Amino acid sequence: MIFVRVATAAMATQLLGGDVQQVAAAQSQAWVDGAALRCYRHALNAGSRKSWAAGDATSRGVFLAQLSLQGEWGIPEH
């Protein structure tokens, strides 16, 4: 779901009025943000959390967009 988080961070930043630098900062933050564990998405561990992945990635993207709009810098190497 990394691509969902990165895309959401970029689009949410732009939709909330961010400039190019803020969009880039949000995207770099999204790339290095902690990834979801895969263990709950595979048999024998699959459960209701499997369906949370996209919603969780989207909420993280919006959170990172808000951080960037508040002045959080991007990660220079990402």
PDB file of N, CA and C in Angstrom:
ATOM      1  N   MET A   1       0.800  -1.199   0.000  1.00  0.00           N
ATOM      2  CA  MET A   1       0.000   0.000   0.000  1.00  0.00           C
ATOM      3  C   MET A   1       0.852   1.277   0.000  1.00  0.00           C
ATOM      4  N   ILE A   2       2.132   1.102  -0.238  1.00  0.00           N
ATOM      5  CA  ILE A   2       3.021   2.265  -0.265  1.00  0.00           C
ATOM      6  C   ILE A   2       2.595   3.258  -1.342  1.00  0.00           C
ATOM      7  N   PHE A   3       2.163   2.748  -2.507  1.00  0.00           N
ATOM      8  CA  PHE A   3       1.785   3.652  -3.587  1.00  0.00           C
ATOM      9  C   PHE A   3       0.517   4.431  -3.246  1.00  0.00           C
ATOM     10  N   VAL A   4      -0.393   3.819  -2.510  1.00  0.00           N
ATOM     11  CA  VAL A   4      -1.599   4.522  -2.061  1.00  0.00           C
ATOM     12  C   VAL A   4      -1.201   5.665  -1.130  1.00  0.00           C
ATOM     13  N   ARG A   5      -0.284   5.391  -0.212  1.00  0.00           N
ATOM     14  CA  ARG A   5       0.152   6.411   0.739  1.00  0.00           C
ATOM     15  C   ARG A   5       0.873   7.557   0.033  1.00  0.00           C
ATOM     16  N   VAL A   6       1.763   7.240  -0.905  1.00  0.00           N
ATOM     17  CA  VAL A   6       2.515   8.281  -1.623  1.00  0.00           C
ATOM     18  C   VAL A   6       1.578   9.128  -2.485  1.00  0.00           C
ATOM     19  N   ALA A   7       0.689   8.483  -3.214  1.00  0.00           N
ATOM     20  CA  ALA A   7      -0.251   9.216  -4.066  1.00  0.00           C
ATOM     21  C   ALA A   7      -1.198  10.073  -3.244  1.00  0.00           C
ATOM     22  N   THR A   8      -1.693   9.528  -2.145  1.00  0.00           N
ATOM     23  CA  THR A   8      -2.596  10.289  -1.285  1.00  0.00           C
ATOM     24  C   THR A   8      -1.890  11.498  -0.690  1.00  0.00           C
ATOM     25  N   ALA A   9      -0.655  11.313  -0.254  1.00  0.00           N
ATOM     26  CA  ALA A   9       0.098  12.437   0.318  1.00  0.00           C
ATOM     27  C   ALA A   9       0.248  13.555  -0.699  1.00  0.00           C
ATOM     28  N   ALA A  10       0.582  13.205  -1.937  1.00  0.00           N
ATOM     29  CA  ALA A  10       0.753  14.217  -2.983  1.00  0.00           C
ATOM     30  C   ALA A  10      -0.559  14.926  -3.299  1.00  0.00           C
ATOM     31  N   MET A  11      -1.604  14.163  -3.533  1.00  0.00           N
ATOM     32  CA  MET A  11      -2.887  14.764  -3.908  1.00  0.00           C
ATOM     33  C   MET A  11      -3.505  15.557  -2.767  1.00  0.00           C
ATOM     34  N   ALA A  12      -3.435  15.042  -1.555  1.00  0.00           N
ATOM     35  CA  ALA A  12      -4.012  15.768  -0.421  1.00  0.00           C
ATOM     36  C   ALA A  12      -3.274  17.080  -0.195  1.00  0.00           C
ATOM     37  N   THR A  13      -1.951  17.064  -0.338  1.00  0.00           N
ATOM     38  CA  THR A  13      -1.185  18.297  -0.172  1.00  0.00           C
ATOM     39  C   THR A  13      -1.604  19.319  -1.210  1.00  0.00           C
ATOM     40  N   GLN A  14      -1.719  18.885  -2.455  1.00  0.00           N
ATOM     41  CA  GLN A  14      -2.130  19.807  -3.510  1.00  0.00           C
ATOM     42  C   GLN A  14      -3.557  20.310  -3.290  1.00  0.00           C
ATOM     43  N   LEU A  15      -4.467  19.412  -2.951  1.00  0.00           N
ATOM     44  CA  LEU A  15      -5.863  19.809  -2.741  1.00  0.00           C
ATOM     45  C   LEU A  15      -6.029  20.757  -1.550  1.00  0.00           C
ATOM     46  N   LEU A  16      -5.136  20.635  -0.572  1.00  0.00           N
ATOM     47  CA  LEU A  16      -5.201  21.513   0.599  1.00  0.00           C
ATOM     48  C   LEU A  16      -4.426  22.817   0.393  1.00  0.00           C
ATOM     49  N   GLY A  17      -3.947  23.033  -0.834  1.00  0.00           N
ATOM     50  CA  GLY A  17      -3.315  24.303  -1.164  1.00  0.00           C
ATOM     51  C   GLY A  17      -1.805  24.322  -1.101  1.00  0.00           C
ATOM     52  N   GLY A  18      -1.181  23.180  -1.013  1.00  0.00           N
ATOM     53  CA  GLY A  18       0.271  23.115  -0.926  1.00  0.00           C
ATOM     54  C   GLY A  18       0.947  23.471  -2.236  1.00  0.00           C
ATOM     55  N   ASP A  19       2.162  23.988  -2.130  1.00  0.00           N
ATOM     56  CA  ASP A  19       2.936  24.301  -3.323  1.00  0.00           C
ATOM     57  C   ASP A  19       3.777  23.085  -3.721  1.00  0.00           C
ATOM     58  N   VAL A  20       4.566  23.243  -4.772  1.00  0.00           N
ATOM     59  CA  VAL A  20       5.359  22.127  -5.297  1.00  0.00           C
ATOM     60  C   VAL A  20       6.327  21.596  -4.244  1.00  0.00           C
ATOM     61  N   GLN A  21       6.945  22.480  -3.496  1.00  0.00           N
ATOM     62  CA  GLN A  21       7.895  22.050  -2.467  1.00  0.00           C
ATOM     63  C   GLN A  21       7.195  21.263  -1.359  1.00  0.00           C
ATOM     64  N   GLN A  22       6.010  21.667  -0.972  1.00  0.00           N
ATOM     65  CA  GLN A  22       5.265  20.956   0.063  1.00  0.00           C
ATOM     66  C   GLN A  22       4.786  19.596  -0.433  1.00  0.00           C
ATOM     67  N   VAL A  23       4.402  19.521  -1.708  1.00  0.00           N
ATOM     68  CA  VAL A  23       4.003  18.226  -2.288  1.00  0.00           C
ATOM     69  C   VAL A  23       5.192  17.276  -2.281  1.00  0.00           C
ATOM     70  N   ALA A  24       6.359  17.778  -2.675  1.00  0.00           N
ATOM     71  CA  ALA A  24       7.562  16.945  -2.679  1.00  0.00           C
ATOM     72  C   ALA A  24       7.923  16.497  -1.266  1.00  0.00           C
ATOM     73  N   ALA A  25       7.778  17.389  -0.290  1.00  0.00           N
ATOM     74  CA  ALA A  25       8.067  17.028   1.100  1.00  0.00           C
ATOM     75  C   ALA A  25       7.123  15.934   1.588  1.00  0.00           C
ATOM     76  N   ALA A  26       5.844  16.060   1.258  1.00  0.00           N
ATOM     77  CA  ALA A  26       4.865  15.051   1.676  1.00  0.00           C
ATOM     78  C   ALA A  26       5.171  13.702   1.036  1.00  0.00           C
ATOM     79  N   GLN A  27       5.542  13.721  -0.239  1.00  0.00           N
ATOM     80  CA  GLN A  27       5.875  12.466  -0.907  1.00  0.00           C
ATOM     81  C   GLN A  27       7.109  11.815  -0.303  1.00  0.00           C
ATOM     82  N   SER A  28       8.120  12.601  -0.011  1.00  0.00           N
ATOM     83  CA  SER A  28       9.327  12.008   0.571  1.00  0.00           C
ATOM     84  C   SER A  28       9.039  11.433   1.952  1.00  0.00           C
ATOM     85  N   GLN A  29       8.189  12.100   2.712  1.00  0.00           N
ATOM     86  CA  GLN A  29       7.798  11.568   4.015  1.00  0.00           C
ATOM     87  C   GLN A  29       7.019  10.263   3.855  1.00  0.00           C
ATOM     88  N   ALA A  30       6.171  10.203   2.835  1.00  0.00           N
ATOM     89  CA  ALA A  30       5.369   8.999   2.607  1.00  0.00           C
ATOM     90  C   ALA A  30       6.235   7.804   2.231  1.00  0.00           C
ATOM     91  N   TRP A  31       7.305   8.033   1.467  1.00  0.00           N
ATOM     92  CA  TRP A  31       8.178   6.931   1.065  1.00  0.00           C
ATOM     93  C   TRP A  31       8.890   6.310   2.252  1.00  0.00           C
ATOM     94  N   VAL A  32       9.241   7.111   3.251  1.00  0.00           N
ATOM     95  CA  VAL A  32       9.995   6.571   4.383  1.00  0.00           C
ATOM     96  C   VAL A  32       9.112   6.224   5.575  1.00  0.00           C
ATOM     97  N   ASP A  33       7.826   6.512   5.483  1.00  0.00           N
ATOM     98  CA  ASP A  33       6.892   6.196   6.559  1.00  0.00           C
ATOM     99  C   ASP A  33       6.821   4.678   6.728  1.00  0.00           C
ATOM    100  N   GLY A  34       6.628   4.229   7.944  1.00  0.00           N
ATOM    101  CA  GLY A  34       6.594   2.784   8.229  1.00  0.00           C
ATOM    102  C   GLY A  34       5.597   2.033   7.379  1.00  0.00           C
ATOM    103  N   ALA A  35       6.014   0.933   6.837  1.00  0.00           N
ATOM    104  CA  ALA A  35       5.150   0.114   5.982  1.00  0.00           C
ATOM    105  C   ALA A  35       4.313  -0.840   6.832  1.00  0.00           C
ATOM    106  N   ALA A  36       3.165  -1.193   6.307  1.00  0.00           N
ATOM    107  CA  ALA A  36       2.283  -2.137   6.992  1.00  0.00           C
ATOM    108  C   ALA A  36       2.903  -3.530   6.963  1.00  0.00           C
ATOM    109  N   LEU A  37       2.735  -4.246   8.031  1.00  0.00           N
ATOM    110  CA  LEU A  37       3.206  -5.626   8.067  1.00  0.00           C
ATOM    111  C   LEU A  37       2.334  -6.499   7.181  1.00  0.00           C
ATOM    112  N   ARG A  38       2.935  -7.439   6.517  1.00  0.00           N
ATOM    113  CA  ARG A  38       2.199  -8.331   5.627  1.00  0.00           C
ATOM    114  C   ARG A  38       1.633  -9.541   6.352  1.00  0.00           C
ATOM    115  N   CYS A  39       2.056  -9.786   7.581  1.00  0.00           N
ATOM    116  CA  CYS A  39       1.698 -11.045   8.238  1.00  0.00           C
ATOM    117  C   CYS A  39       0.196 -11.242   8.389  1.00  0.00           C
ATOM    118  N   TYR A  40      -0.578 -10.180   8.558  1.00  0.00           N
ATOM    119  CA  TYR A  40      -2.010 -10.359   8.771  1.00  0.00           C
ATOM    120  C   TYR A  40      -2.777 -10.495   7.461  1.00  0.00           C
ATOM    121  N   ARG A  41      -2.084 -10.454   6.316  1.00  0.00           N
ATOM    122  CA  ARG A  41      -2.769 -10.553   5.029  1.00  0.00           C
ATOM    123  C   ARG A  41      -2.632 -11.925   4.391  1.00  0.00           C
ATOM    124  N   HIS A  42      -1.978 -12.845   5.031  1.00  0.00           N
ATOM    125  CA  HIS A  42      -1.745 -14.156   4.437  1.00  0.00           C
ATOM    126  C   HIS A  42      -2.317 -15.258   5.327  1.00  0.00           C
ATOM    127  N   ALA A  43      -2.679 -16.375   4.679  1.00  0.00           N
ATOM    128  CA  ALA A  43      -3.246 -17.501   5.415  1.00  0.00           C
ATOM    129  C   ALA A  43      -2.301 -17.912   6.523  1.00  0.00           C
ATOM    130  N   LEU A  44      -2.671 -18.273   7.373  1.00  0.00           N
ATOM    131  CA  LEU A  44      -3.463 -18.529   8.536  1.00  0.00           C
ATOM    132  C   LEU A  44      -3.718 -17.282   9.376  1.00  0.00           C
ATOM    133  N   ASN A  45      -3.098 -16.198   9.032  1.00  0.00           N
ATOM    134  CA  ASN A  45      -3.244 -14.979   9.835  1.00  0.00           C
ATOM    135  C   ASN A  45      -4.298 -14.023   9.306  1.00  0.00           C
ATOM    136  N   ALA A  46      -4.859 -14.283   8.144  1.00  0.00           N
ATOM    137  CA  ALA A  46      -5.807 -13.358   7.535  1.00  0.00           C
ATOM    138  C   ALA A  46      -7.027 -13.172   8.436  1.00  0.00           C
ATOM    139  N   GLY A  47      -7.383 -11.933   8.629  1.00  0.00           N
ATOM    140  CA  GLY A  47      -8.547 -11.617   9.445  1.00  0.00           C
ATOM    141  C   GLY A  47      -9.155 -10.306   8.990  1.00  0.00           C
ATOM    142  N   SER A  48      -9.908  -9.691   9.845  1.00  0.00           N
ATOM    143  CA  SER A  48     -10.601  -8.458   9.456  1.00  0.00           C
ATOM    144  C   SER A  48      -9.647  -7.309   9.157  1.00  0.00           C
ATOM    145  N   ARG A  49      -8.440  -7.338   9.719  1.00  0.00           N
ATOM    146  CA  ARG A  49      -7.487  -6.252   9.454  1.00  0.00           C
ATOM    147  C   ARG A  49      -7.038  -6.209   8.000  1.00  0.00           C
ATOM    148  N   LYS A  50      -7.223  -7.294   7.280  1.00  0.00           N
ATOM    149  CA  LYS A  50      -6.804  -7.324   5.878  1.00  0.00           C
ATOM    150  C   LYS A  50      -7.481  -6.205   5.098  1.00  0.00           C
ATOM    151  N   SER A  51      -8.694  -5.910   5.415  1.00  0.00           N
ATOM    152  CA  SER A  51      -9.432  -4.880   4.683  1.00  0.00           C
ATOM    153  C   SER A  51      -9.092  -3.464   5.151  1.00  0.00           C
ATOM    154  N   TRP A  52      -8.269  -3.315   6.150  1.00  0.00           N
ATOM    155  CA  TRP A  52      -7.915  -1.987   6.654  1.00  0.00           C
ATOM    156  C   TRP A  52      -6.774  -1.342   5.888  1.00  0.00           C
ATOM    157  N   ALA A  53      -6.031  -2.099   5.104  1.00  0.00           N
ATOM    158  CA  ALA A  53      -4.782  -1.618   4.520  1.00  0.00           C
ATOM    159  C   ALA A  53      -4.959  -0.349   3.690  1.00  0.00           C
ATOM    160  N   ALA A  54      -5.904  -0.308   2.790  1.00  0.00           N
ATOM    161  CA  ALA A  54      -6.077   0.871   1.938  1.00  0.00           C
ATOM    162  C   ALA A  54      -6.525   2.085   2.746  1.00  0.00           C
ATOM    163  N   GLY A  55      -7.447   1.883   3.665  1.00  0.00           N
ATOM    164  CA  GLY A  55      -7.904   3.000   4.506  1.00  0.00           C
ATOM    165  C   GLY A  55      -6.796   3.530   5.388  1.00  0.00           C
ATOM    166  N   ASP A  56      -5.992   2.635   5.919  1.00  0.00           N
ATOM    167  CA  ASP A  56      -4.870   3.052   6.756  1.00  0.00           C
ATOM    168  C   ASP A  56      -3.844   3.819   5.937  1.00  0.00           C
ATOM    169  N   ALA A  57      -3.518   3.337   4.745  1.00  0.00           N
ATOM    170  CA  ALA A  57      -2.553   4.019   3.883  1.00  0.00           C
ATOM    171  C   ALA A  57      -3.064   5.401   3.486  1.00  0.00           C
ATOM    172  N   THR A  58      -4.361   5.511   3.221  1.00  0.00           N
ATOM    173  CA  THR A  58      -4.941   6.799   2.852  1.00  0.00           C
ATOM    174  C   THR A  58      -4.894   7.771   4.018  1.00  0.00           C
ATOM    175  N   SER A  59      -5.225   7.315   5.201  1.00  0.00           N
ATOM    176  CA  SER A  59      -5.195   8.215   6.360  1.00  0.00           C
ATOM    177  C   SER A  59      -3.776   8.669   6.674  1.00  0.00           C
ATOM    178  N   ARG A  60      -2.794   7.766   6.502  1.00  0.00           N
ATOM    179  CA  ARG A  60      -1.391   8.153   6.701  1.00  0.00           C
ATOM    180  C   ARG A  60      -0.976   9.198   5.670  1.00  0.00           C
ATOM    181  N   GLY A  61      -1.422   9.038   4.432  1.00  0.00           N
ATOM    182  CA  GLY A  61      -1.107  10.013   3.390  1.00  0.00           C
ATOM    183  C   GLY A  61      -1.647  11.391   3.703  1.00  0.00           C
ATOM    184  N   VAL A  62      -2.878  11.452   4.181  1.00  0.00           N
ATOM    185  CA  VAL A  62      -3.475  12.743   4.550  1.00  0.00           C
ATOM    186  C   VAL A  62      -2.739  13.340   5.750  1.00  0.00           C
ATOM    187  N   PHE A  63      -2.398  12.513   6.726  1.00  0.00           N
ATOM    188  CA  PHE A  63      -1.643  12.985   7.889  1.00  0.00           C
ATOM    189  C   PHE A  63      -0.301  13.579   7.459  1.00  0.00           C
ATOM    190  N   LEU A  64       0.401  12.900   6.565  1.00  0.00           N
ATOM    191  CA  LEU A  64       1.694  13.395   6.093  1.00  0.00           C
ATOM    192  C   LEU A  64       1.535  14.674   5.272  1.00  0.00           C
ATOM    193  N   ALA A  65       0.445  14.794   4.535  1.00  0.00           N
ATOM    194  CA  ALA A  65       0.155  16.034   3.807  1.00  0.00           C
ATOM    195  C   ALA A  65      -0.015  17.194   4.782  1.00  0.00           C
ATOM    196  N   GLN A  66      -0.757  16.962   5.845  1.00  0.00           N
ATOM    197  CA  GLN A  66      -0.966  18.010   6.845  1.00  0.00           C
ATOM    198  C   GLN A  66       0.342  18.409   7.515  1.00  0.00           C
ATOM    199  N   LEU A  67       1.197  17.436   7.806  1.00  0.00           N
ATOM    200  CA  LEU A  67       2.505  17.748   8.388  1.00  0.00           C
ATOM    201  C   LEU A  67       3.324  18.635   7.455  1.00  0.00           C
ATOM    202  N   SER A  68       3.319  18.307   6.175  1.00  0.00           N
ATOM    203  CA  SER A  68       4.079  19.090   5.202  1.00  0.00           C
ATOM    204  C   SER A  68       3.530  20.502   5.082  1.00  0.00           C
ATOM    205  N   LEU A  69       2.232  20.641   5.139  1.00  0.00           N
ATOM    206  CA  LEU A  69       1.624  21.971   5.077  1.00  0.00           C
ATOM    207  C   LEU A  69       1.942  22.797   6.313  1.00  0.00           C
ATOM    208  N   GLN A  70       2.255  22.132   7.405  1.00  0.00           N
ATOM    209  CA  GLN A  70       2.620  22.835   8.634  1.00  0.00           C
ATOM    210  C   GLN A  70       4.113  23.111   8.721  1.00  0.00           C
ATOM    211  N   GLY A  71       4.866  22.765   7.670  1.00  0.00           N
ATOM    212  CA  GLY A  71       6.271  23.103   7.624  1.00  0.00           C
ATOM    213  C   GLY A  71       7.243  21.962   7.826  1.00  0.00           C
ATOM    214  N   GLU A  72       6.748  20.737   7.943  1.00  0.00           N
ATOM    215  CA  GLU A  72       7.664  19.597   8.102  1.00  0.00           C
ATOM    216  C   GLU A  72       8.470  19.431   6.806  1.00  0.00           C
ATOM    217  N   TRP A  73       9.766  19.315   6.951  1.00  0.00           N
ATOM    218  CA  TRP A  73      10.637  19.178   5.792  1.00  0.00           C
ATOM    219  C   TRP A  73      10.546  17.784   5.217  1.00  0.00           C
ATOM    220  N   GLY A  74      10.911  17.689   3.949  1.00  0.00           N
ATOM    221  CA  GLY A  74      11.005  16.393   3.312  1.00  0.00           C
ATOM    222  C   GLY A  74      12.309  15.711   3.684  1.00  0.00           C
ATOM    223  N   ILE A  75      12.428  14.466   3.326  1.00  0.00           N
ATOM    224  CA  ILE A  75      13.646  13.696   3.545  1.00  0.00           C
ATOM    225  C   ILE A  75      14.543  13.923   2.325  1.00  0.00           C
ATOM    226  N   PRO A  76      15.730  14.509   2.512  1.00  0.00           N
ATOM    227  CA  PRO A  76      16.553  14.923   1.363  1.00  0.00           C
ATOM    228  C   PRO A  76      16.874  13.821   0.342  1.00  0.00           C
ATOM    229  N   GLU A  77      17.064  12.596   0.773  1.00  0.00           N
ATOM    230  CA  GLU A  77      17.464  11.550  -0.157  1.00  0.00           C
ATOM    231  C   GLU A  77      16.280  10.767  -0.719  1.00  0.00           C
ATOM    232  N   HIS A  78      15.053  11.196  -0.484  1.00  0.00           N
ATOM    233  CA  HIS A  78      13.892  10.470  -1.019  1.00  0.00           C
ATOM    234  C   HIS A  78      13.004  11.399  -1.779  1.00  0.00           C
TER     235      HIS A  78
END
